[in-house]
Amino acid sequence: MSAFYWRSASGRRLLIHLFLSSLLLALLSSAVALYSAYRTEYRNNEALLQQISSGYLNALAQSVWSFDIPQVESQLAALVQFPYIRYAMLDAGNGEYFSAGQAEEAGSGDRILQERQFDLHYDNGERSILVGSLRLQLDLVAMRQQVMATAPVVLLKHLVIILLLAALLLFALIRLFSRYAGSQLRSLSDWAERGDIRAPVQLPDDGGENDELNRIGRTINHLCQQIQQVMAERDYSDHELQQLNNRLEQKVEERTGELNNAINSLNRLIDTLQEDRHEQVENEKMAQLGSLVAGVAHELNTPLGICVTARSYIEDSVLLIQERIKNGTLDKNTFSAQINNISEGLLLIDENLNRSHRLVRTFKSLAVDEESDFRSRFSLEEFLQEFAGNNDDFFVEDNTCRIEYNLSQPVILNTCRQTLGLVMGALIGNSLDHGYPDGGDSHIQIHGSIDVTENLLTLIYEDDGIGISNEVRQRIFDPFFTTGRHRGKTGLGMHLAYNLVTRILHGSIEVCERRQGAENQGAEIHLRIPLDLDRYDRTMTEQGLKLVINNH
């Protein structure tokens, strides 16, 4: 048991702590002993001074009174022979001084001096007479050195005593340990070295069932049983988890196959839908084209019919003149009347041909594509300033058109400038043609704001005309829809604006409701287009790539 104990780390730590504690106690007890010895020497020195004061001073005063100088010197010399008295000096009071020993100033050198002074009184039987004073210098360093000279012996004695006591205590502890806990700790150590929690701890019953180490052994066995149970449950859970993973992998494979089949079916369905959508779009295009062609034919039919009628009317007048000239019956009145008819017919033909020309020109504008107008960078403020400064282009009879604009901040656009100009012209022309049926000055305001994050410019177009009803607002972008057909309007202006905004500027245009029921409620149109068409193209390309990746 002792070999096991002293070779263990806890045993070595106990020895080290015991030795250090013994050394510290030895130092403390030695310091206390030395201090006690110093105090003893100091008290002895005080007793010596008291003895000198009570017995020696009278003899010295008597020698001074009788002027026995040799006796005085002999007595002073005897004083400096006492321990720690370094110097003695007697002042006879008549200017004479007697001394013995070596005097030193207080505080000089490495000596710590203490001075004591005594008065010398001679008693002649009647009264006490002061005959002088005695001054003594005590050397405290010598007293300390005397005490410290015994320090090694005292320290060694106390260290030996404390080490002996510590050894006795250690021996007693070892005996008690060996008797009551040694075999149990050895069993615990052997069990810990084996590291097998399946084998229970077997402790000898040296201290009884309620012994702390036995309770520790029972607790360890209980914990080991719990750990074994947890490990068994873990192994069972791992086995169940492995089986679940196998089943899950099988289900994942099955679901993956089903998902692949569904994806393939969905892709085929998407292809079919795309084909159907393409066919539907083509059908819608053809239907819209047919409607557009029918509308153009209808719109062209009226002016061209008038032209044909006027031509027939002119032809009849010409034939009548020719016949009268041939017969020689043409008079001045007939000739003048027929010439007027011909002039009126030519005027009708000119007006209706011009109307047809404008209709064809507007119709051609519907076919504008991106390649017909190049992109450029320009300032929106300068662009709107052109419209605000050229009011003559929008002059209606005797009334003026005032155009104002307000931008939240300077805006630089990268888009099709000519196309945007056509859109603004169509909006202003629509306001002037339909917003002021009774005439009057017109006031148009354009407000601009941007969203740099969304790469979007928003233009809010407003006029102070009669406004747009809900029925008209729902059909305002339809081709050939107009409320001014009786005034020769074709209904292609807003349709042209819609096509230009959506197809070339890649934006949106919307007619909003305003103050319903109020006079001069005006029209409000919101126009949203990309600030930078190049950035818009890049964004659309990236989104297309992401869509393709997600589909695959």
Protein backbone atom coordinates (compact mmCIF):
# COMPACT_ATOMS: atom_id res chain seq x y z
CA MET A 1 0.00 0.00 0.00
CA SER A 2 2.84 2.44 0.84
CA ALA A 3 4.54 1.82 -2.51
CA PHE A 4 1.26 2.42 -4.32
CA TYR A 5 0.67 5.59 -2.30
CA TRP A 6 4.09 7.22 -2.65
CA ARG A 7 4.33 6.54 -6.35
CA SER A 8 0.99 8.18 -7.05
CA ALA A 9 0.71 11.79 -8.13
CA SER A 10 -1.52 12.61 -5.16
CA GLY A 11 1.08 11.14 -2.78
CA ARG A 12 3.86 13.26 -4.28
CA ARG A 13 1.71 16.36 -4.09
CA LEU A 14 0.93 15.57 -0.43
CA LEU A 15 4.65 15.25 0.39
CA ILE A 16 5.48 18.50 -1.39
CA HIS A 17 2.66 20.36 0.34
CA LEU A 18 3.61 18.87 3.69
CA PHE A 19 7.27 19.90 3.29
CA LEU A 20 6.40 23.42 2.15
CA SER A 21 3.89 23.80 4.98
CA SER A 22 6.47 22.60 7.50
CA LEU A 23 9.05 25.02 6.15
CA LEU A 24 6.60 27.90 6.32
CA LEU A 25 5.61 27.00 9.87
CA ALA A 26 9.29 26.73 10.82
CA LEU A 27 9.98 30.17 9.41
CA LEU A 28 6.99 31.67 11.18
CA SER A 29 7.81 30.04 14.52
CA SER A 30 11.49 31.03 14.20
CA ALA A 31 10.50 34.61 13.49
CA VAL A 32 8.26 34.59 16.52
CA ALA A 33 11.03 33.09 18.65
CA LEU A 34 13.60 35.64 17.44
CA TYR A 35 11.21 38.48 18.05
CA SER A 36 10.53 37.09 21.51
CA ALA A 37 14.31 36.84 22.18
CA TYR A 38 14.79 40.41 20.99
CA ARG A 39 12.03 41.61 23.28
CA THR A 40 13.61 39.65 26.13
CA GLU A 41 17.03 41.27 25.54
CA TYR A 42 15.34 44.67 25.33
CA ARG A 43 13.56 44.09 28.63
CA ASN A 44 16.81 42.88 30.19
CA ASN A 45 18.53 46.05 29.00
CA GLU A 46 15.71 48.15 30.49
CA ALA A 47 16.07 46.27 33.76
CA LEU A 48 19.82 46.99 33.67
CA LEU A 49 19.16 50.70 33.19
CA GLN A 50 16.67 50.60 36.03
CA GLN A 51 19.27 48.94 38.19
CA ILE A 52 21.82 51.61 37.23
CA SER A 53 19.29 54.33 38.01
CA SER A 54 18.40 52.90 41.41
CA GLY A 55 21.77 51.81 42.75
CA TYR A 56 24.69 53.00 40.67
CA LEU A 57 23.82 56.69 40.33
CA ASN A 58 24.07 57.37 44.09
CA ALA A 59 27.62 56.04 44.23
CA LEU A 60 28.55 58.05 41.19
CA ALA A 61 26.97 61.22 42.67
CA GLN A 62 28.89 60.73 45.90
CA SER A 63 32.18 60.40 43.95
CA VAL A 64 31.39 63.60 42.04
CA TRP A 65 30.49 65.45 45.30
CA SER A 66 33.80 64.39 46.89
CA PHE A 67 35.73 65.24 43.67
CA ASP A 68 37.18 61.74 43.56
CA ILE A 69 38.15 61.91 39.90
CA PRO A 70 39.83 58.48 39.68
CA GLN A 71 36.76 56.92 41.23
CA VAL A 72 34.50 58.75 38.76
CA GLU A 73 36.55 57.56 35.78
CA SER A 74 36.64 54.06 37.21
CA GLN A 75 32.87 54.05 37.62
CA LEU A 76 32.33 55.37 34.06
CA ALA A 77 34.66 52.72 32.70
CA ALA A 78 32.66 50.11 34.58
CA LEU A 79 29.45 51.41 32.99
CA VAL A 80 30.65 50.91 29.38
CA GLN A 81 31.43 47.33 30.29
CA PHE A 82 27.74 46.58 30.58
CA PRO A 83 26.18 44.98 27.50
CA TYR A 84 25.06 47.37 24.75
CA ILE A 85 26.30 50.55 26.62
CA ARG A 86 28.56 52.11 24.02
CA TYR A 87 29.39 55.48 25.60
CA ALA A 88 28.99 57.17 29.01
CA MET A 89 29.57 60.88 29.71
CA LEU A 90 29.28 62.74 33.03
CA ASP A 91 28.70 66.48 33.22
CA ALA A 92 29.92 67.75 36.62
CA GLY A 93 28.01 71.03 36.19
CA ASN A 94 31.07 73.23 36.65
CA GLY A 95 32.30 72.89 33.09
CA GLU A 96 34.10 69.61 33.71
CA TYR A 97 33.19 66.51 31.67
CA PHE A 98 34.20 62.91 32.15
CA SER A 99 33.57 60.17 29.60
CA ALA A 100 34.27 56.55 28.82
CA GLY A 101 33.74 54.54 25.66
CA GLN A 102 33.43 55.80 22.06
CA ALA A 103 30.84 58.49 21.35
CA GLU A 104 28.94 58.58 18.04
CA GLU A 105 26.36 61.01 16.72
CA ALA A 106 22.82 59.63 16.53
CA GLY A 107 21.89 58.68 12.98
CA SER A 108 25.51 58.50 11.73
CA GLY A 109 26.99 55.29 10.33
CA ASP A 110 25.06 52.06 10.43
CA ARG A 111 24.39 52.12 14.16
CA ILE A 112 21.01 52.62 15.75
CA LEU A 113 21.68 54.49 19.00
CA GLN A 114 19.42 55.19 21.93
CA GLU A 115 20.43 57.83 24.47
CA ARG A 116 19.40 57.93 28.12
CA GLN A 117 20.19 60.81 30.51
CA PHE A 118 20.09 60.67 34.32
CA ASP A 119 20.44 63.49 36.87
CA LEU A 120 22.94 62.96 39.71
CA HIS A 121 21.71 64.04 43.18
CA TYR A 122 23.80 63.97 46.38
CA ASP A 123 21.86 63.62 49.62
CA ASN A 124 23.69 65.34 52.55
CA GLY A 125 21.07 64.31 55.05
CA GLU A 126 19.18 67.54 54.83
CA ARG A 127 18.42 67.93 51.15
CA SER A 128 19.19 66.50 47.71
CA ILE A 129 21.76 68.50 45.73
CA LEU A 130 22.09 68.26 41.89
CA VAL A 131 25.77 67.60 41.25
CA GLY A 132 25.65 66.71 37.50
CA SER A 133 24.09 64.55 34.84
CA LEU A 134 24.96 61.23 33.25
CA ARG A 135 24.32 60.51 29.53
CA LEU A 136 24.45 56.94 28.18
CA GLN A 137 24.38 55.73 24.56
CA LEU A 138 22.88 52.27 23.95
CA ASP A 139 23.76 50.26 20.77
CA LEU A 140 20.52 48.59 19.56
CA VAL A 141 22.29 47.08 16.51
CA ALA A 142 24.53 45.09 18.76
CA MET A 143 21.41 43.89 20.59
CA ARG A 144 19.85 42.83 17.27
CA GLN A 145 23.06 41.13 16.11
CA GLN A 146 23.21 39.24 19.34
CA VAL A 147 19.68 37.99 18.78
CA MET A 148 20.22 37.20 15.04
CA ALA A 149 23.36 35.22 15.86
CA THR A 150 21.08 32.60 17.36
CA ALA A 151 18.69 32.64 14.32
CA PRO A 152 20.15 29.59 12.43
CA VAL A 153 20.10 27.49 15.55
CA VAL A 154 16.54 28.56 16.35
CA LEU A 155 15.37 27.99 12.74
CA LEU A 156 16.99 24.56 12.56
CA LYS A 157 15.58 23.56 15.93
CA HIS A 158 12.06 24.62 14.98
CA LEU A 159 12.31 23.04 11.50
CA VAL A 160 13.41 19.74 12.98
CA ILE A 161 10.63 19.86 15.55
CA ILE A 162 7.97 20.68 12.95
CA LEU A 163 9.27 18.09 10.48
CA LEU A 164 9.19 15.48 13.25
CA LEU A 165 5.65 16.47 14.08
CA ALA A 166 4.71 16.37 10.38
CA ALA A 167 6.33 12.97 10.01
CA LEU A 168 4.44 11.68 13.03
CA LEU A 169 1.23 13.12 11.62
CA LEU A 170 1.95 11.65 8.19
CA PHE A 171 2.71 8.30 9.76
CA ALA A 172 -0.55 8.41 11.63
CA LEU A 173 -2.44 9.37 8.48
CA ILE A 174 -0.77 6.57 6.53
CA ARG A 175 -1.68 4.11 9.24
CA LEU A 176 -5.27 5.30 9.29
CA PHE A 177 -5.36 5.38 5.47
CA SER A 178 -3.88 1.91 5.17
CA ARG A 179 -6.27 0.57 7.75
CA TYR A 180 -9.53 2.10 6.57
CA ALA A 181 -9.22 3.23 2.90
CA GLY A 182 -6.13 1.76 1.26
CA SER A 183 -7.63 -1.40 -0.16
CA GLN A 184 -10.75 0.43 -1.30
CA LEU A 185 -8.78 3.12 -3.14
CA ARG A 186 -6.57 0.44 -4.68
CA SER A 187 -9.67 -1.33 -5.96
CA LEU A 188 -11.00 1.95 -7.40
CA SER A 189 -7.62 2.66 -9.03
CA ASP A 190 -7.41 -0.84 -10.54
CA TRP A 191 -10.98 -0.54 -11.87
CA ALA A 192 -10.21 2.89 -13.40
CA GLU A 193 -7.03 1.52 -15.07
CA ARG A 194 -9.01 -1.32 -16.64
CA GLY A 195 -11.57 1.15 -18.05
CA ASP A 196 -14.27 -1.49 -18.47
CA ILE A 197 -17.61 -0.07 -17.35
CA ARG A 198 -19.27 -3.45 -17.86
CA ALA A 199 -17.34 -4.85 -14.87
CA PRO A 200 -18.71 -3.48 -11.57
CA VAL A 201 -16.48 -1.97 -8.88
CA GLN A 202 -15.68 -4.52 -6.14
CA LEU A 203 -14.65 -2.79 -2.89
CA PRO A 204 -13.66 -4.65 0.26
CA ASP A 205 -16.08 -3.96 3.07
CA ASP A 206 -13.45 -2.56 5.45
CA GLY A 207 -15.39 0.47 6.61
CA GLY A 208 -18.94 -0.80 6.57
CA GLU A 209 -21.76 -0.28 4.13
CA ASN A 210 -22.15 3.39 5.01
CA ASP A 211 -18.50 4.16 4.38
CA GLU A 212 -18.03 7.05 1.92
CA LEU A 213 -15.87 5.02 -0.45
CA ASN A 214 -18.39 2.19 -0.49
CA ARG A 215 -21.14 4.71 -1.31
CA ILE A 216 -18.91 6.07 -4.09
CA GLY A 217 -18.43 2.53 -5.43
CA ARG A 218 -22.18 1.87 -5.42
CA THR A 219 -22.78 5.21 -7.16
CA ILE A 220 -20.16 4.39 -9.82
CA ASN A 221 -21.78 0.99 -10.43
CA HIS A 222 -25.20 2.65 -10.73
CA LEU A 223 -23.83 5.22 -13.18
CA CYS A 224 -22.13 2.49 -15.21
CA GLN A 225 -25.42 0.63 -15.44
CA GLN A 226 -27.13 3.78 -16.64
CA ILE A 227 -24.36 4.40 -19.18
CA GLN A 228 -24.64 0.82 -20.44
CA GLN A 229 -28.38 1.26 -20.77
CA VAL A 230 -27.91 4.54 -22.65
CA MET A 231 -25.32 2.92 -24.93
CA ALA A 232 -27.67 0.02 -25.62
CA GLU A 233 -30.46 2.44 -26.44
CA ARG A 234 -28.06 4.40 -28.64
CA ASP A 235 -27.03 1.26 -30.50
CA TYR A 236 -30.67 0.38 -30.99
CA SER A 237 -31.40 3.94 -32.18
CA ASP A 238 -28.43 3.78 -34.56
CA HIS A 239 -29.73 0.52 -35.95
CA GLU A 240 -33.22 1.97 -36.35
CA LEU A 241 -31.75 5.13 -37.88
CA GLN A 242 -29.73 3.08 -40.35
CA GLN A 243 -32.81 1.16 -41.39
CA LEU A 244 -34.75 4.42 -41.65
CA ASN A 245 -31.99 5.91 -43.80
CA ASN A 246 -32.09 2.87 -46.07
CA ARG A 247 -35.85 3.15 -46.42
CA LEU A 248 -35.52 6.91 -46.90
CA GLU A 249 -32.92 6.46 -49.64
CA GLN A 250 -35.23 3.99 -51.34
CA LYS A 251 -38.14 6.43 -51.06
CA VAL A 252 -35.94 9.26 -52.31
CA GLU A 253 -34.99 7.21 -55.33
CA GLU A 254 -38.63 6.38 -55.96
CA ARG A 255 -39.70 10.01 -55.48
CA THR A 256 -36.81 11.15 -57.67
CA GLY A 257 -37.97 8.87 -60.44
CA GLU A 258 -41.54 10.09 -60.04
CA LEU A 259 -40.31 13.68 -59.97
CA ASN A 260 -38.25 13.15 -63.12
CA ASN A 261 -41.28 11.66 -64.83
CA ALA A 262 -43.37 14.60 -63.64
CA ILE A 263 -40.71 17.03 -64.84
CA ASN A 264 -40.62 15.37 -68.23
CA SER A 265 -44.41 15.49 -68.42
CA LEU A 266 -44.34 19.10 -67.30
CA ASN A 267 -41.71 19.96 -69.91
CA ARG A 268 -43.83 18.34 -72.60
CA LEU A 269 -46.82 20.25 -71.27
CA ILE A 270 -44.81 23.47 -71.27
CA ASP A 271 -43.72 22.84 -74.84
CA THR A 272 -47.32 22.19 -75.80
CA LEU A 273 -48.47 25.32 -73.96
CA GLN A 274 -45.73 27.36 -75.61
CA GLU A 275 -46.79 26.07 -79.00
CA ASP A 276 -50.44 26.79 -78.19
CA ARG A 277 -49.51 30.20 -76.86
CA HIS A 278 -47.43 30.94 -79.91
CA GLU A 279 -50.33 29.84 -82.11
CA GLN A 280 -52.73 31.91 -80.03
CA VAL A 281 -50.46 34.92 -80.23
CA GLU A 282 -50.19 34.48 -83.97
CA ASN A 283 -53.95 34.16 -84.18
CA GLU A 284 -54.38 37.26 -82.05
CA LYS A 285 -51.87 39.07 -84.23
CA MET A 286 -53.71 38.03 -87.34
CA ALA A 287 -57.04 38.97 -85.76
CA GLN A 288 -55.63 42.31 -84.65
CA LEU A 289 -54.06 42.80 -88.05
CA GLY A 290 -57.36 41.96 -89.71
CA SER A 291 -59.17 44.37 -87.42
CA LEU A 292 -56.50 46.99 -88.07
CA VAL A 293 -56.69 46.47 -91.81
CA ALA A 294 -60.47 46.57 -91.67
CA GLY A 295 -60.29 49.76 -89.65
CA VAL A 296 -57.82 51.33 -92.06
CA ALA A 297 -59.96 50.23 -95.00
CA HIS A 298 -63.01 51.68 -93.31
CA GLU A 299 -61.23 54.91 -92.50
CA LEU A 300 -59.81 55.18 -96.02
CA ASN A 301 -63.10 54.28 -97.64
CA THR A 302 -64.83 57.51 -96.60
CA PRO A 303 -62.29 60.04 -97.92
CA LEU A 304 -61.56 57.95 -100.99
CA GLY A 305 -65.32 57.57 -101.65
CA ILE A 306 -65.71 61.32 -101.37
CA CYS A 307 -62.79 61.71 -103.79
CA VAL A 308 -64.48 59.30 -106.28
CA THR A 309 -67.77 61.15 -105.92
CA ALA A 310 -66.07 64.52 -106.39
CA ARG A 311 -64.21 63.16 -109.41
CA SER A 312 -67.51 62.03 -110.97
CA TYR A 313 -69.00 65.40 -110.19
CA ILE A 314 -66.01 67.16 -111.87
CA GLU A 315 -66.19 64.76 -114.80
CA ASP A 316 -69.87 65.61 -115.32
CA SER A 317 -69.04 69.33 -115.26
CA VAL A 318 -66.19 68.85 -117.73
CA LEU A 319 -68.37 66.77 -120.05
CA LEU A 320 -71.11 69.42 -119.88
CA ILE A 321 -68.65 72.18 -120.76
CA GLN A 322 -67.22 70.12 -123.63
CA GLU A 323 -70.68 69.38 -124.97
CA ARG A 324 -71.76 73.04 -124.80
CA ILE A 325 -68.55 74.11 -126.53
CA LYS A 326 -69.12 71.51 -129.26
CA ASN A 327 -72.68 72.65 -129.75
CA GLY A 328 -71.72 76.29 -129.46
CA THR A 329 -74.27 76.84 -126.70
CA LEU A 330 -71.84 77.54 -123.85
CA ASP A 331 -72.66 80.82 -122.22
CA LYS A 332 -70.86 82.70 -119.53
CA ASN A 333 -73.17 81.78 -116.67
CA THR A 334 -73.06 78.08 -117.45
CA PHE A 335 -69.27 78.13 -117.78
CA SER A 336 -68.87 80.04 -114.49
CA ALA A 337 -71.22 77.67 -112.63
CA GLN A 338 -69.43 74.56 -113.91
CA ILE A 339 -66.01 76.04 -113.06
CA ASN A 340 -67.23 76.62 -109.48
CA ASN A 341 -68.44 73.02 -109.33
CA ILE A 342 -65.04 71.82 -110.56
CA SER A 343 -63.25 74.01 -107.95
CA GLU A 344 -65.45 72.66 -105.14
CA GLY A 345 -64.85 69.10 -106.32
CA LEU A 346 -61.07 69.63 -106.46
CA LEU A 347 -61.16 71.14 -102.95
CA LEU A 348 -63.05 68.08 -101.68
CA ILE A 349 -60.55 65.80 -103.39
CA ASP A 350 -57.60 67.72 -101.89
CA GLU A 351 -59.02 67.67 -98.36
CA ASN A 352 -59.86 63.99 -98.44
CA LEU A 353 -56.57 63.02 -100.04
CA ASN A 354 -54.77 64.92 -97.27
CA ARG A 355 -56.94 63.13 -94.76
CA SER A 356 -56.04 59.80 -96.35
CA HIS A 357 -52.37 60.78 -96.37
CA ARG A 358 -52.43 61.55 -92.64
CA LEU A 359 -54.20 58.28 -91.96
CA VAL A 360 -51.62 56.31 -93.94
CA ARG A 361 -48.77 58.15 -92.23
CA THR A 362 -50.23 57.35 -88.82
CA PHE A 363 -50.77 53.77 -89.86
CA LYS A 364 -47.15 53.52 -90.94
CA SER A 365 -46.07 54.82 -87.52
CA LEU A 366 -47.63 51.72 -85.94
CA ALA A 367 -44.99 49.61 -87.68
CA VAL A 368 -42.06 51.43 -86.05
CA ASP A 369 -39.56 49.03 -84.44
CA GLU A 370 -36.44 49.43 -82.30
CA GLU A 371 -34.10 49.42 -85.27
CA SER A 372 -35.82 52.47 -86.76
CA ASP A 373 -34.79 54.61 -83.78
CA PHE A 374 -31.33 54.37 -82.22
CA ARG A 375 -30.67 54.68 -78.49
CA SER A 376 -28.91 57.71 -77.07
CA ARG A 377 -28.15 59.40 -73.76
CA PHE A 378 -29.87 62.70 -73.14
CA SER A 379 -31.14 64.91 -70.35
CA LEU A 380 -34.84 64.56 -69.56
CA GLU A 381 -34.99 68.21 -68.54
CA GLU A 382 -33.65 69.36 -71.90
CA PHE A 383 -36.03 66.95 -73.65
CA LEU A 384 -39.09 68.36 -71.84
CA GLN A 385 -37.82 71.89 -72.33
CA GLU A 386 -38.22 71.37 -76.09
CA PHE A 387 -41.94 70.67 -75.60
CA ALA A 388 -42.39 73.48 -73.08
CA GLY A 389 -40.62 75.97 -75.38
CA ASN A 390 -42.27 75.02 -78.68
CA ASN A 391 -45.88 75.83 -77.88
CA ASP A 392 -46.47 76.85 -81.50
CA ASP A 393 -46.50 73.19 -82.47
CA PHE A 394 -49.58 72.72 -80.30
CA PHE A 395 -51.39 76.00 -81.05
CA VAL A 396 -55.16 75.53 -81.28
CA GLU A 397 -57.06 78.32 -83.02
CA ASP A 398 -56.77 81.45 -80.86
CA ASN A 399 -55.98 79.58 -77.65
CA THR A 400 -52.56 78.88 -76.17
CA CYS A 401 -51.16 75.66 -74.76
CA ARG A 402 -48.96 76.09 -71.67
CA ILE A 403 -46.71 73.11 -70.86
CA GLU A 404 -44.85 72.90 -67.53
CA TYR A 405 -42.69 70.19 -66.05
CA ASN A 406 -41.30 69.35 -62.61
CA LEU A 407 -38.52 66.83 -61.93
CA SER A 408 -37.56 65.52 -58.49
CA GLN A 409 -33.89 65.44 -59.55
CA PRO A 410 -31.78 65.64 -62.71
CA VAL A 411 -32.35 62.60 -64.93
CA ILE A 412 -30.14 61.17 -67.70
CA LEU A 413 -31.92 58.68 -69.95
CA ASN A 414 -30.48 56.02 -72.23
CA THR A 415 -33.42 55.25 -74.51
CA CYS A 416 -34.95 56.01 -77.92
CA ARG A 417 -35.37 59.76 -77.92
CA GLN A 418 -37.39 60.02 -81.13
CA THR A 419 -39.84 57.36 -79.95
CA LEU A 420 -40.30 59.10 -76.59
CA GLY A 421 -40.93 62.33 -78.50
CA LEU A 422 -43.66 60.63 -80.56
CA VAL A 423 -45.28 59.38 -77.34
CA MET A 424 -45.27 62.83 -75.73
CA GLY A 425 -46.61 64.35 -78.96
CA ALA A 426 -49.41 61.80 -79.05
CA LEU A 427 -50.36 62.55 -75.43
CA ILE A 428 -50.35 66.33 -75.97
CA GLY A 429 -52.24 65.98 -79.26
CA ASN A 430 -54.86 63.79 -77.56
CA SER A 431 -55.33 66.39 -74.82
CA LEU A 432 -55.74 69.22 -77.31
CA ASP A 433 -58.05 67.23 -79.60
CA HIS A 434 -60.40 65.85 -76.92
CA GLY A 435 -59.77 67.66 -73.62
CA TYR A 436 -61.03 71.11 -74.68
CA PRO A 437 -64.13 70.74 -76.90
CA ASP A 438 -65.30 74.27 -76.08
CA GLY A 439 -61.90 75.84 -76.70
CA GLY A 440 -59.99 77.85 -74.13
CA ASP A 441 -56.39 77.90 -72.96
CA SER A 442 -54.87 74.55 -72.05
CA HIS A 443 -52.47 73.81 -69.20
CA ILE A 444 -50.40 70.61 -69.20
CA GLN A 445 -48.11 69.51 -66.33
CA ILE A 446 -45.51 66.75 -66.41
CA HIS A 447 -44.03 65.40 -63.12
CA GLY A 448 -41.00 63.12 -63.17
CA SER A 449 -39.50 60.85 -60.49
CA ILE A 450 -36.98 58.01 -60.67
CA ASP A 451 -36.22 54.78 -58.84
CA VAL A 452 -32.53 54.03 -59.43
CA THR A 453 -32.78 50.62 -57.75
CA GLU A 454 -35.54 49.46 -60.10
CA ASN A 455 -34.04 51.35 -63.10
CA LEU A 456 -37.41 53.04 -63.61
CA LEU A 457 -38.58 56.53 -64.65
CA THR A 458 -42.16 57.55 -63.82
CA LEU A 459 -43.75 60.44 -65.73
CA ILE A 460 -47.14 61.70 -64.57
CA TYR A 461 -48.89 63.57 -67.38
CA GLU A 462 -51.80 65.84 -66.37
CA ASP A 463 -54.04 68.34 -68.16
CA ASP A 464 -56.90 70.53 -66.96
CA GLY A 465 -59.39 69.48 -69.63
CA ILE A 466 -62.74 67.75 -69.29
CA GLY A 467 -61.16 64.46 -68.32
CA ILE A 468 -61.72 60.90 -69.51
CA SER A 469 -64.82 58.89 -68.64
CA ASN A 470 -64.61 55.28 -67.44
CA GLU A 471 -66.05 53.95 -70.72
CA VAL A 472 -63.48 55.85 -72.78
CA ARG A 473 -60.65 54.96 -70.36
CA GLN A 474 -61.30 51.24 -70.84
CA ARG A 475 -61.01 51.47 -74.65
CA ILE A 476 -58.66 54.42 -75.08
CA PHE A 477 -55.78 52.28 -76.38
CA ASP A 478 -57.90 50.32 -78.89
CA PRO A 479 -57.08 51.07 -82.52
CA PHE A 480 -59.52 53.37 -84.34
CA PHE A 481 -61.43 54.14 -81.16
CA THR A 482 -62.16 57.86 -80.94
CA THR A 483 -64.80 60.23 -79.64
CA GLY A 484 -64.01 62.80 -82.34
CA ARG A 485 -64.77 60.88 -85.47
CA HIS A 486 -67.25 63.58 -86.50
CA ARG A 487 -64.29 65.94 -86.50
CA GLY A 488 -62.22 63.68 -88.72
CA LYS A 489 -60.21 61.92 -85.96
CA THR A 490 -58.94 58.42 -86.67
CA GLY A 491 -58.47 57.00 -83.18
CA LEU A 492 -54.86 55.89 -83.72
CA GLY A 493 -53.02 58.42 -81.52
CA MET A 494 -53.27 56.67 -78.13
CA HIS A 495 -52.94 53.26 -79.78
CA LEU A 496 -49.71 54.49 -81.35
CA ALA A 497 -48.50 55.75 -77.96
CA TYR A 498 -49.30 52.39 -76.34
CA ASN A 499 -47.41 50.43 -79.02
CA LEU A 500 -44.38 52.72 -78.84
CA VAL A 501 -44.20 52.55 -75.02
CA THR A 502 -44.65 48.79 -74.70
CA ARG A 503 -42.74 47.55 -77.77
CA ILE A 504 -39.86 49.99 -78.17
CA LEU A 505 -39.45 51.72 -74.78
CA HIS A 506 -40.26 48.46 -72.88
CA GLY A 507 -42.46 50.33 -70.41
CA SER A 508 -46.09 50.70 -69.46
CA ILE A 509 -48.74 53.39 -69.85
CA GLU A 510 -51.90 53.75 -67.77
CA VAL A 511 -54.80 56.20 -67.69
CA CYS A 512 -55.80 56.90 -64.07
CA GLU A 513 -59.05 58.08 -62.54
CA ARG A 514 -59.20 61.64 -61.28
CA ARG A 515 -61.73 63.81 -59.49
CA GLN A 516 -65.00 62.25 -60.61
CA GLY A 517 -68.00 64.56 -60.90
CA ALA A 518 -66.00 67.81 -60.91
CA GLU A 519 -65.68 70.22 -63.81
CA ASN A 520 -62.35 70.32 -65.63
CA GLN A 521 -61.25 67.23 -63.73
CA GLY A 522 -58.58 66.69 -66.34
CA ALA A 523 -56.78 63.60 -67.51
CA GLU A 524 -53.97 61.84 -65.65
CA ILE A 525 -51.71 59.38 -67.44
CA HIS A 526 -48.85 57.46 -65.81
CA LEU A 527 -45.93 56.53 -68.04
CA ARG A 528 -43.23 54.17 -66.69
CA ILE A 529 -40.15 53.33 -68.77
CA PRO A 530 -36.63 52.03 -67.99
CA LEU A 531 -33.99 54.68 -67.31
CA ASP A 532 -31.37 52.68 -69.20
CA LEU A 533 -32.46 50.29 -71.95
CA ASP A 534 -29.01 48.63 -72.02
CA ARG A 535 -29.30 47.78 -68.33
CA TYR A 536 -32.87 46.59 -68.96
CA ASP A 537 -31.61 44.21 -71.67
CA ARG A 538 -28.91 42.83 -69.34
CA THR A 539 -31.48 42.30 -66.58
CA MET A 540 -33.85 40.50 -68.90
CA THR A 541 -31.01 38.27 -70.12
CA GLU A 542 -29.99 37.36 -66.55
CA GLN A 543 -33.58 36.59 -65.60
CA GLY A 544 -33.93 34.43 -68.68
CA LEU A 545 -30.80 32.48 -67.74
CA LYS A 546 -32.06 32.00 -64.18
CA LEU A 547 -35.39 30.79 -65.51
CA VAL A 548 -33.67 28.25 -67.76
CA ILE A 549 -31.48 27.06 -64.87
CA ASN A 550 -34.47 26.72 -62.55
CA ASN A 551 -36.43 24.77 -65.16
CA HIS A 552 -33.57 22.32 -65.47
